[in-house]
Every structure is written in C-alpha cells, then in structure tokens.
Amino acid sequence: QLARQAGVSRSTLTRIADGKSISLDSFVRVIKA
C-alpha cells in the first residue's frame, strides 16, 4: 500500500525495513506518503 502511495517499488520499502540506504527521492516520496 505504501509503495503504491509513494510511487516507489516494494523492494525499496524492503530496503527501508532492513535499514539499508535508498535514494533521497525515494526517501522524500515515502515521507510524503
């Protein structure tokens, strides 16, 4: 659900859950979502 709302892939959210780095653009998209 968050991936759809943020316009990022689910694998990006998996990286977040694992504490791995992501792009600043993806980070901002998730924060906004």
PDB file of all heavy atoms in Angstrom:
ATOM      1  N   GLN A   1       0.837  -1.206   0.000  1.00  0.00           N
ATOM      2  CA  GLN A   1       0.000   0.000   0.000  1.00  0.00           C
ATOM      3  C   GLN A   1       0.871   1.255   0.000  1.00  0.00           C
ATOM      4  O   GLN A   1       0.628   2.187  -0.763  1.00  0.00           O
ATOM      5  CB  GLN A   1      -0.922  -0.010   1.212  1.00  0.00           C
ATOM      6  CG  GLN A   1      -1.855   1.175   1.295  1.00  0.00           C
ATOM      7  CD  GLN A   1      -2.725   1.142   2.554  1.00  0.00           C
ATOM      8  OE1 GLN A   1      -2.603   0.248   3.381  1.00  0.00           O
ATOM      9  NE2 GLN A   1      -3.581   2.122   2.701  1.00  0.00           N
ATOM     10  N   LEU A   2       1.878   1.293   0.859  1.00  0.00           N
ATOM     11  CA  LEU A   2       2.748   2.461   0.926  1.00  0.00           C
ATOM     12  C   LEU A   2       3.532   2.626  -0.367  1.00  0.00           C
ATOM     13  O   LEU A   2       3.723   3.753  -0.834  1.00  0.00           O
ATOM     14  CB  LEU A   2       3.690   2.359   2.126  1.00  0.00           C
ATOM     15  CG  LEU A   2       4.618   3.551   2.357  1.00  0.00           C
ATOM     16  CD1 LEU A   2       3.841   4.860   2.484  1.00  0.00           C
ATOM     17  CD2 LEU A   2       5.489   3.315   3.585  1.00  0.00           C
ATOM     18  N   ALA A   3       3.967   1.536  -0.957  1.00  0.00           N
ATOM     19  CA  ALA A   3       4.697   1.611  -2.223  1.00  0.00           C
ATOM     20  C   ALA A   3       3.835   2.283  -3.286  1.00  0.00           C
ATOM     21  O   ALA A   3       4.303   3.156  -4.028  1.00  0.00           O
ATOM     22  CB  ALA A   3       5.128   0.224  -2.670  1.00  0.00           C
ATOM     23  N   ARG A   4       2.567   1.873  -3.373  1.00  0.00           N
ATOM     24  CA  ARG A   4       1.649   2.490  -4.345  1.00  0.00           C
ATOM     25  C   ARG A   4       1.474   3.977  -4.060  1.00  0.00           C
ATOM     26  O   ARG A   4       1.539   4.806  -4.966  1.00  0.00           O
ATOM     27  CB  ARG A   4       0.287   1.797  -4.310  1.00  0.00           C
ATOM     28  CG  ARG A   4       0.239   0.493  -5.064  1.00  0.00           C
ATOM     29  CD  ARG A   4      -1.199  -0.009  -5.232  1.00  0.00           C
ATOM     30  NE  ARG A   4      -1.930  -0.134  -3.965  1.00  0.00           N
ATOM     31  CZ  ARG A   4      -1.867  -1.180  -3.158  1.00  0.00           C
ATOM     32  NH1 ARG A   4      -1.108  -2.219  -3.467  1.00  0.00           N
ATOM     33  NH2 ARG A   4      -2.568  -1.207  -2.029  1.00  0.00           N
ATOM     34  N   GLN A   5       1.238   4.328  -2.805  1.00  0.00           N
ATOM     35  CA  GLN A   5       1.005   5.725  -2.438  1.00  0.00           C
ATOM     36  C   GLN A   5       2.238   6.594  -2.687  1.00  0.00           C
ATOM     37  O   GLN A   5       2.107   7.748  -3.078  1.00  0.00           O
ATOM     38  CB  GLN A   5       0.595   5.835  -0.972  1.00  0.00           C
ATOM     39  CG  GLN A   5      -0.774   5.270  -0.682  1.00  0.00           C
ATOM     40  CD  GLN A   5      -1.092   5.239   0.810  1.00  0.00           C
ATOM     41  OE1 GLN A   5      -0.210   5.362   1.658  1.00  0.00           O
ATOM     42  NE2 GLN A   5      -2.365   5.074   1.126  1.00  0.00           N
ATOM     43  N   ALA A   6       3.420   6.029  -2.449  1.00  0.00           N
ATOM     44  CA  ALA A   6       4.654   6.794  -2.588  1.00  0.00           C
ATOM     45  C   ALA A   6       5.205   6.775  -4.014  1.00  0.00           C
ATOM     46  O   ALA A   6       6.070   7.585  -4.350  1.00  0.00           O
ATOM     47  CB  ALA A   6       5.708   6.244  -1.625  1.00  0.00           C
ATOM     48  N   GLY A   7       4.729   5.841  -4.823  1.00  0.00           N
ATOM     49  CA  GLY A   7       5.248   5.733  -6.185  1.00  0.00           C
ATOM     50  C   GLY A   7       6.642   5.141  -6.230  1.00  0.00           C
ATOM     51  O   GLY A   7       7.467   5.524  -7.068  1.00  0.00           O
ATOM     52  N   VAL A   8       6.912   4.214  -5.302  1.00  0.00           N
ATOM     53  CA  VAL A   8       8.194   3.519  -5.268  1.00  0.00           C
ATOM     54  C   VAL A   8       7.928   2.017  -5.334  1.00  0.00           C
ATOM     55  O   VAL A   8       6.793   1.571  -5.185  1.00  0.00           O
ATOM     56  CB  VAL A   8       9.012   3.859  -3.991  1.00  0.00           C
ATOM     57  CG1 VAL A   8       9.315   5.342  -3.921  1.00  0.00           C
ATOM     58  CG2 VAL A   8       8.309   3.406  -2.728  1.00  0.00           C
ATOM     59  N   SER A   9       8.970   1.245  -5.544  1.00  0.00           N
ATOM     60  CA  SER A   9       8.802  -0.204  -5.608  1.00  0.00           C
ATOM     61  C   SER A   9       8.708  -0.794  -4.209  1.00  0.00           C
ATOM     62  O   SER A   9       9.159  -0.189  -3.225  1.00  0.00           O
ATOM     63  CB  SER A   9       9.974  -0.838  -6.355  1.00  0.00           C
ATOM     64  OG  SER A   9      11.160  -0.712  -5.594  1.00  0.00           O
ATOM     65  N   ARG A  10       8.144  -1.963  -4.150  1.00  0.00           N
ATOM     66  CA  ARG A  10       8.067  -2.654  -2.853  1.00  0.00           C
ATOM     67  C   ARG A  10       9.464  -3.024  -2.372  1.00  0.00           C
ATOM     68  O   ARG A  10       9.726  -3.038  -1.168  1.00  0.00           O
ATOM     69  CB  ARG A  10       7.190  -3.900  -2.971  1.00  0.00           C
ATOM     70  CG  ARG A  10       6.909  -4.517  -1.616  1.00  0.00           C
ATOM     71  CD  ARG A  10       5.711  -5.437  -1.637  1.00  0.00           C
ATOM     72  NE  ARG A  10       5.585  -6.052  -0.337  1.00  0.00           N
ATOM     73  CZ  ARG A  10       6.110  -7.249  -0.037  1.00  0.00           C
ATOM     74  NH1 ARG A  10       6.754  -7.941  -0.927  1.00  0.00           N
ATOM     75  NH2 ARG A  10       5.958  -7.739   1.174  1.00  0.00           N
ATOM     76  N   SER A  11      10.370  -3.293  -3.303  1.00  0.00           N
ATOM     77  CA  SER A  11      11.745  -3.620  -2.896  1.00  0.00           C
ATOM     78  C   SER A  11      12.412  -2.418  -2.216  1.00  0.00           C
ATOM     79  O   SER A  11      13.260  -2.596  -1.338  1.00  0.00           O
ATOM     80  CB  SER A  11      12.578  -4.103  -4.086  1.00  0.00           C
ATOM     81  OG  SER A  11      12.741  -3.083  -5.044  1.00  0.00           O
ATOM     82  N   THR A  12      12.021  -1.210  -2.593  1.00  0.00           N
ATOM     83  CA  THR A  12      12.537  -0.019  -1.898  1.00  0.00           C
ATOM     84  C   THR A  12      12.082  -0.030  -0.452  1.00  0.00           C
ATOM     85  O   THR A  12      12.867   0.259   0.460  1.00  0.00           O
ATOM     86  CB  THR A  12      12.058   1.265  -2.598  1.00  0.00           C
ATOM     87  OG1 THR A  12      12.632   1.319  -3.907  1.00  0.00           O
ATOM     88  CG2 THR A  12      12.450   2.520  -1.825  1.00  0.00           C
ATOM     89  N   LEU A  13      10.841  -0.406  -0.219  1.00  0.00           N
ATOM     90  CA  LEU A  13      10.344  -0.467   1.157  1.00  0.00           C
ATOM     91  C   LEU A  13      10.982  -1.614   1.934  1.00  0.00           C
ATOM     92  O   LEU A  13      11.176  -1.504   3.149  1.00  0.00           O
ATOM     93  CB  LEU A  13       8.825  -0.562   1.167  1.00  0.00           C
ATOM     94  CG  LEU A  13       8.143   0.701   0.629  1.00  0.00           C
ATOM     95  CD1 LEU A  13       6.646   0.542   0.611  1.00  0.00           C
ATOM     96  CD2 LEU A  13       8.532   1.926   1.428  1.00  0.00           C
ATOM     97  N   THR A  14      11.328  -2.674   1.254  1.00  0.00           N
ATOM     98  CA  THR A  14      12.062  -3.762   1.909  1.00  0.00           C
ATOM     99  C   THR A  14      13.436  -3.268   2.339  1.00  0.00           C
ATOM    100  O   THR A  14      13.904  -3.586   3.434  1.00  0.00           O
ATOM    101  CB  THR A  14      12.187  -4.972   0.970  1.00  0.00           C
ATOM    102  OG1 THR A  14      10.878  -5.428   0.633  1.00  0.00           O
ATOM    103  CG2 THR A  14      12.965  -6.106   1.620  1.00  0.00           C
ATOM    104  N   ARG A  15      14.067  -2.470   1.490  1.00  0.00           N
ATOM    105  CA  ARG A  15      15.370  -1.886   1.855  1.00  0.00           C
ATOM    106  C   ARG A  15      15.232  -0.989   3.083  1.00  0.00           C
ATOM    107  O   ARG A  15      16.081  -1.000   3.973  1.00  0.00           O
ATOM    108  CB  ARG A  15      15.972  -1.111   0.684  1.00  0.00           C
ATOM    109  CG  ARG A  15      16.394  -1.988  -0.476  1.00  0.00           C
ATOM    110  CD  ARG A  15      17.036  -1.187  -1.595  1.00  0.00           C
ATOM    111  NE  ARG A  15      18.232  -0.490  -1.152  1.00  0.00           N
ATOM    112  CZ  ARG A  15      19.437  -1.045  -1.000  1.00  0.00           C
ATOM    113  NH1 ARG A  15      19.596  -2.328  -1.277  1.00  0.00           N
ATOM    114  NH2 ARG A  15      20.463  -0.331  -0.607  1.00  0.00           N
ATOM    115  N   ILE A  16      14.146  -0.220   3.127  1.00  0.00           N
ATOM    116  CA  ILE A  16      13.899   0.637   4.295  1.00  0.00           C
ATOM    117  C   ILE A  16      13.743  -0.224   5.541  1.00  0.00           C
ATOM    118  O   ILE A  16      14.343   0.055   6.580  1.00  0.00           O
ATOM    119  CB  ILE A  16      12.656   1.519   4.075  1.00  0.00           C
ATOM    120  CG1 ILE A  16      12.943   2.596   3.034  1.00  0.00           C
ATOM    121  CG2 ILE A  16      12.202   2.162   5.389  1.00  0.00           C
ATOM    122  CD1 ILE A  16      11.730   3.402   2.620  1.00  0.00           C
ATOM    123  N   ALA A  17      12.941  -1.279   5.438  1.00  0.00           N
ATOM    124  CA  ALA A  17      12.701  -2.158   6.590  1.00  0.00           C
ATOM    125  C   ALA A  17      13.989  -2.789   7.092  1.00  0.00           C
ATOM    126  O   ALA A  17      14.145  -3.027   8.289  1.00  0.00           O
ATOM    127  CB  ALA A  17      11.694  -3.243   6.216  1.00  0.00           C
ATOM    128  N   ASP A  18      14.918  -3.044   6.171  1.00  0.00           N
ATOM    129  CA  ASP A  18      16.201  -3.650   6.535  1.00  0.00           C
ATOM    130  C   ASP A  18      17.231  -2.620   6.980  1.00  0.00           C
ATOM    131  O   ASP A  18      18.367  -2.974   7.300  1.00  0.00           O
ATOM    132  CB  ASP A  18      16.757  -4.451   5.357  1.00  0.00           C
ATOM    133  CG  ASP A  18      15.914  -5.667   5.018  1.00  0.00           C
ATOM    134  OD1 ASP A  18      15.145  -6.126   5.894  1.00  0.00           O
ATOM    135  OD2 ASP A  18      16.015  -6.165   3.877  1.00  0.00           O
ATOM    136  N   GLY A  19      16.849  -1.334   6.950  1.00  0.00           N
ATOM    137  CA  GLY A  19      17.777  -0.285   7.364  1.00  0.00           C
ATOM    138  C   GLY A  19      18.845   0.011   6.342  1.00  0.00           C
ATOM    139  O   GLY A  19      19.883   0.577   6.675  1.00  0.00           O
ATOM    140  N   LYS A  20      18.595  -0.348   5.090  1.00  0.00           N
ATOM    141  CA  LYS A  20      19.571  -0.104   4.024  1.00  0.00           C
ATOM    142  C   LYS A  20      19.278   1.244   3.374  1.00  0.00           C
ATOM    143  O   LYS A  20      18.169   1.758   3.441  1.00  0.00           O
ATOM    144  CB  LYS A  20      19.511  -1.221   2.990  1.00  0.00           C
ATOM    145  CG  LYS A  20      19.916  -2.561   3.564  1.00  0.00           C
ATOM    146  CD  LYS A  20      19.867  -3.636   2.526  1.00  0.00           C
ATOM    147  CE  LYS A  20      20.274  -4.974   3.150  1.00  0.00           C
ATOM    148  NZ  LYS A  20      20.120  -6.065   2.200  1.00  0.00           N
ATOM    149  N   SER A  21      20.288   1.791   2.728  1.00  0.00           N
ATOM    150  CA  SER A  21      20.120   3.114   2.141  1.00  0.00           C
ATOM    151  C   SER A  21      19.241   3.060   0.896  1.00  0.00           C
ATOM    152  O   SER A  21      19.162   2.042   0.203  1.00  0.00           O
ATOM    153  CB  SER A  21      21.475   3.729   1.803  1.00  0.00           C
ATOM    154  OG  SER A  21      22.125   2.977   0.811  1.00  0.00           O
ATOM    155  N   ILE A  22      18.570   4.174   0.645  1.00  0.00           N
ATOM    156  CA  ILE A  22      17.738   4.346  -0.546  1.00  0.00           C
ATOM    157  C   ILE A  22      18.037   5.741  -1.094  1.00  0.00           C
ATOM    158  O   ILE A  22      18.712   6.542  -0.447  1.00  0.00           O
ATOM    159  CB  ILE A  22      16.235   4.206  -0.223  1.00  0.00           C
ATOM    160  CG1 ILE A  22      15.796   5.212   0.837  1.00  0.00           C
ATOM    161  CG2 ILE A  22      15.904   2.784   0.219  1.00  0.00           C
ATOM    162  CD1 ILE A  22      14.298   5.291   1.046  1.00  0.00           C
ATOM    163  N   SER A  23      17.523   6.037  -2.274  1.00  0.00           N
ATOM    164  CA  SER A  23      17.765   7.353  -2.855  1.00  0.00           C
ATOM    165  C   SER A  23      17.016   8.427  -2.067  1.00  0.00           C
ATOM    166  O   SER A  23      15.995   8.151  -1.412  1.00  0.00           O
ATOM    167  CB  SER A  23      17.324   7.391  -4.318  1.00  0.00           C
ATOM    168  OG  SER A  23      15.914   7.390  -4.409  1.00  0.00           O
ATOM    169  N   LEU A  24      17.508   9.638  -2.143  1.00  0.00           N
ATOM    170  CA  LEU A  24      16.853  10.751  -1.472  1.00  0.00           C
ATOM    171  C   LEU A  24      15.450  10.955  -2.026  1.00  0.00           C
ATOM    172  O   LEU A  24      14.510  11.217  -1.277  1.00  0.00           O
ATOM    173  CB  LEU A  24      17.682  12.030  -1.612  1.00  0.00           C
ATOM    174  CG  LEU A  24      17.101  13.286  -0.952  1.00  0.00           C
ATOM    175  CD1 LEU A  24      16.892  13.065   0.543  1.00  0.00           C
ATOM    176  CD2 LEU A  24      17.997  14.475  -1.208  1.00  0.00           C
ATOM    177  N   ASP A  25      15.286  10.796  -3.338  1.00  0.00           N
ATOM    178  CA  ASP A  25      13.971  10.933  -3.952  1.00  0.00           C
ATOM    179  C   ASP A  25      12.986   9.933  -3.355  1.00  0.00           C
ATOM    180  O   ASP A  25      11.869  10.305  -2.988  1.00  0.00           O
ATOM    181  CB  ASP A  25      14.070  10.741  -5.469  1.00  0.00           C
ATOM    182  CG  ASP A  25      12.726  10.879  -6.149  1.00  0.00           C
ATOM    183  OD1 ASP A  25      12.134  11.983  -6.092  1.00  0.00           O
ATOM    184  OD2 ASP A  25      12.253   9.881  -6.730  1.00  0.00           O
ATOM    185  N   SER A  26      13.386   8.688  -3.239  1.00  0.00           N
ATOM    186  CA  SER A  26      12.512   7.664  -2.649  1.00  0.00           C
ATOM    187  C   SER A  26      12.213   7.977  -1.191  1.00  0.00           C
ATOM    188  O   SER A  26      11.080   7.814  -0.728  1.00  0.00           O
ATOM    189  CB  SER A  26      13.146   6.274  -2.766  1.00  0.00           C
ATOM    190  OG  SER A  26      13.255   5.892  -4.109  1.00  0.00           O
ATOM    191  N   PHE A  27      13.219   8.425  -0.475  1.00  0.00           N
ATOM    192  CA  PHE A  27      13.041   8.774   0.936  1.00  0.00           C
ATOM    193  C   PHE A  27      11.982   9.859   1.083  1.00  0.00           C
ATOM    194  O   PHE A  27      11.071   9.748   1.887  1.00  0.00           O
ATOM    195  CB  PHE A  27      14.389   9.236   1.518  1.00  0.00           C
ATOM    196  CG  PHE A  27      14.385   9.465   2.996  1.00  0.00           C
ATOM    197  CD1 PHE A  27      14.470   8.409   3.881  1.00  0.00           C
ATOM    198  CD2 PHE A  27      14.293  10.744   3.513  1.00  0.00           C
ATOM    199  CE1 PHE A  27      14.468   8.617   5.259  1.00  0.00           C
ATOM    200  CE2 PHE A  27      14.290  10.968   4.880  1.00  0.00           C
ATOM    201  CZ  PHE A  27      14.370   9.894   5.754  1.00  0.00           C
ATOM    202  N   VAL A  28      12.077  10.904   0.269  1.00  0.00           N
ATOM    203  CA  VAL A  28      11.111  12.009   0.329  1.00  0.00           C
ATOM    204  C   VAL A  28       9.725  11.537  -0.068  1.00  0.00           C
ATOM    205  O   VAL A  28       8.721  11.906   0.550  1.00  0.00           O
ATOM    206  CB  VAL A  28      11.590  13.183  -0.558  1.00  0.00           C
ATOM    207  CG1 VAL A  28      10.507  14.253  -0.704  1.00  0.00           C
ATOM    208  CG2 VAL A  28      12.858  13.806   0.014  1.00  0.00           C
ATOM    209  N   ARG A  29       9.620  10.688  -1.084  1.00  0.00           N
ATOM    210  CA  ARG A  29       8.323  10.157  -1.503  1.00  0.00           C
ATOM    211  C   ARG A  29       7.636   9.383  -0.371  1.00  0.00           C
ATOM    212  O   ARG A  29       6.432   9.511  -0.146  1.00  0.00           O
ATOM    213  CB  ARG A  29       8.479   9.244  -2.713  1.00  0.00           C
ATOM    214  CG  ARG A  29       8.776   9.969  -3.992  1.00  0.00           C
ATOM    215  CD  ARG A  29       9.108   8.953  -5.082  1.00  0.00           C
ATOM    216  NE  ARG A  29       9.427   9.571  -6.322  1.00  0.00           N
ATOM    217  CZ  ARG A  29       8.638   9.574  -7.394  1.00  0.00           C
ATOM    218  NH1 ARG A  29       7.477   8.953  -7.346  1.00  0.00           N
ATOM    219  NH2 ARG A  29       9.012  10.172  -8.487  1.00  0.00           N
ATOM    220  N   VAL A  30       8.424   8.578   0.334  1.00  0.00           N
ATOM    221  CA  VAL A  30       7.868   7.773   1.433  1.00  0.00           C
ATOM    222  C   VAL A  30       7.444   8.690   2.584  1.00  0.00           C
ATOM    223  O   VAL A  30       6.378   8.507   3.173  1.00  0.00           O
ATOM    224  CB  VAL A  30       8.874   6.693   1.890  1.00  0.00           C
ATOM    225  CG1 VAL A  30       8.407   6.010   3.160  1.00  0.00           C
ATOM    226  CG2 VAL A  30       9.097   5.688   0.773  1.00  0.00           C
ATOM    227  N   ILE A  31       8.276   9.676   2.897  1.00  0.00           N
ATOM    228  CA  ILE A  31       7.919  10.626   3.952  1.00  0.00           C
ATOM    229  C   ILE A  31       6.601  11.313   3.632  1.00  0.00           C
ATOM    230  O   ILE A  31       5.715  11.417   4.492  1.00  0.00           O
ATOM    231  CB  ILE A  31       9.034  11.683   4.127  1.00  0.00           C
ATOM    232  CG1 ILE A  31      10.251  11.074   4.810  1.00  0.00           C
ATOM    233  CG2 ILE A  31       8.542  12.871   4.941  1.00  0.00           C
ATOM    234  CD1 ILE A  31      11.441  12.003   4.858  1.00  0.00           C
ATOM    235  N   LYS A  32       6.455  11.763   2.402  1.00  0.00           N
ATOM    236  CA  LYS A  32       5.213  12.439   1.995  1.00  0.00           C
ATOM    237  C   LYS A  32       4.017  11.490   2.077  1.00  0.00           C
ATOM    238  O   LYS A  32       2.961  11.872   2.560  1.00  0.00           O
ATOM    239  CB  LYS A  32       5.373  13.002   0.590  1.00  0.00           C
ATOM    240  CG  LYS A  32       6.283  14.223   0.531  1.00  0.00           C
ATOM    241  CD  LYS A  32       6.529  14.701  -0.884  1.00  0.00           C
ATOM    242  CE  LYS A  32       5.250  15.205  -1.523  1.00  0.00           C
ATOM    243  NZ  LYS A  32       5.468  15.777  -2.863  1.00  0.00           N
ATOM    244  N   ALA A  33       4.199  10.259   1.613  1.00  0.00           N
ATOM    245  CA  ALA A  33       3.111   9.288   1.642  1.00  0.00           C
ATOM    246  C   ALA A  33       2.681   8.951   3.068  1.00  0.00           C
ATOM    247  O   ALA A  33       1.526   8.647   3.314  1.00  0.00           O
ATOM    248  CB  ALA A  33       3.510   8.025   0.884  1.00  0.00           C
TER     249      ALA A  33
END
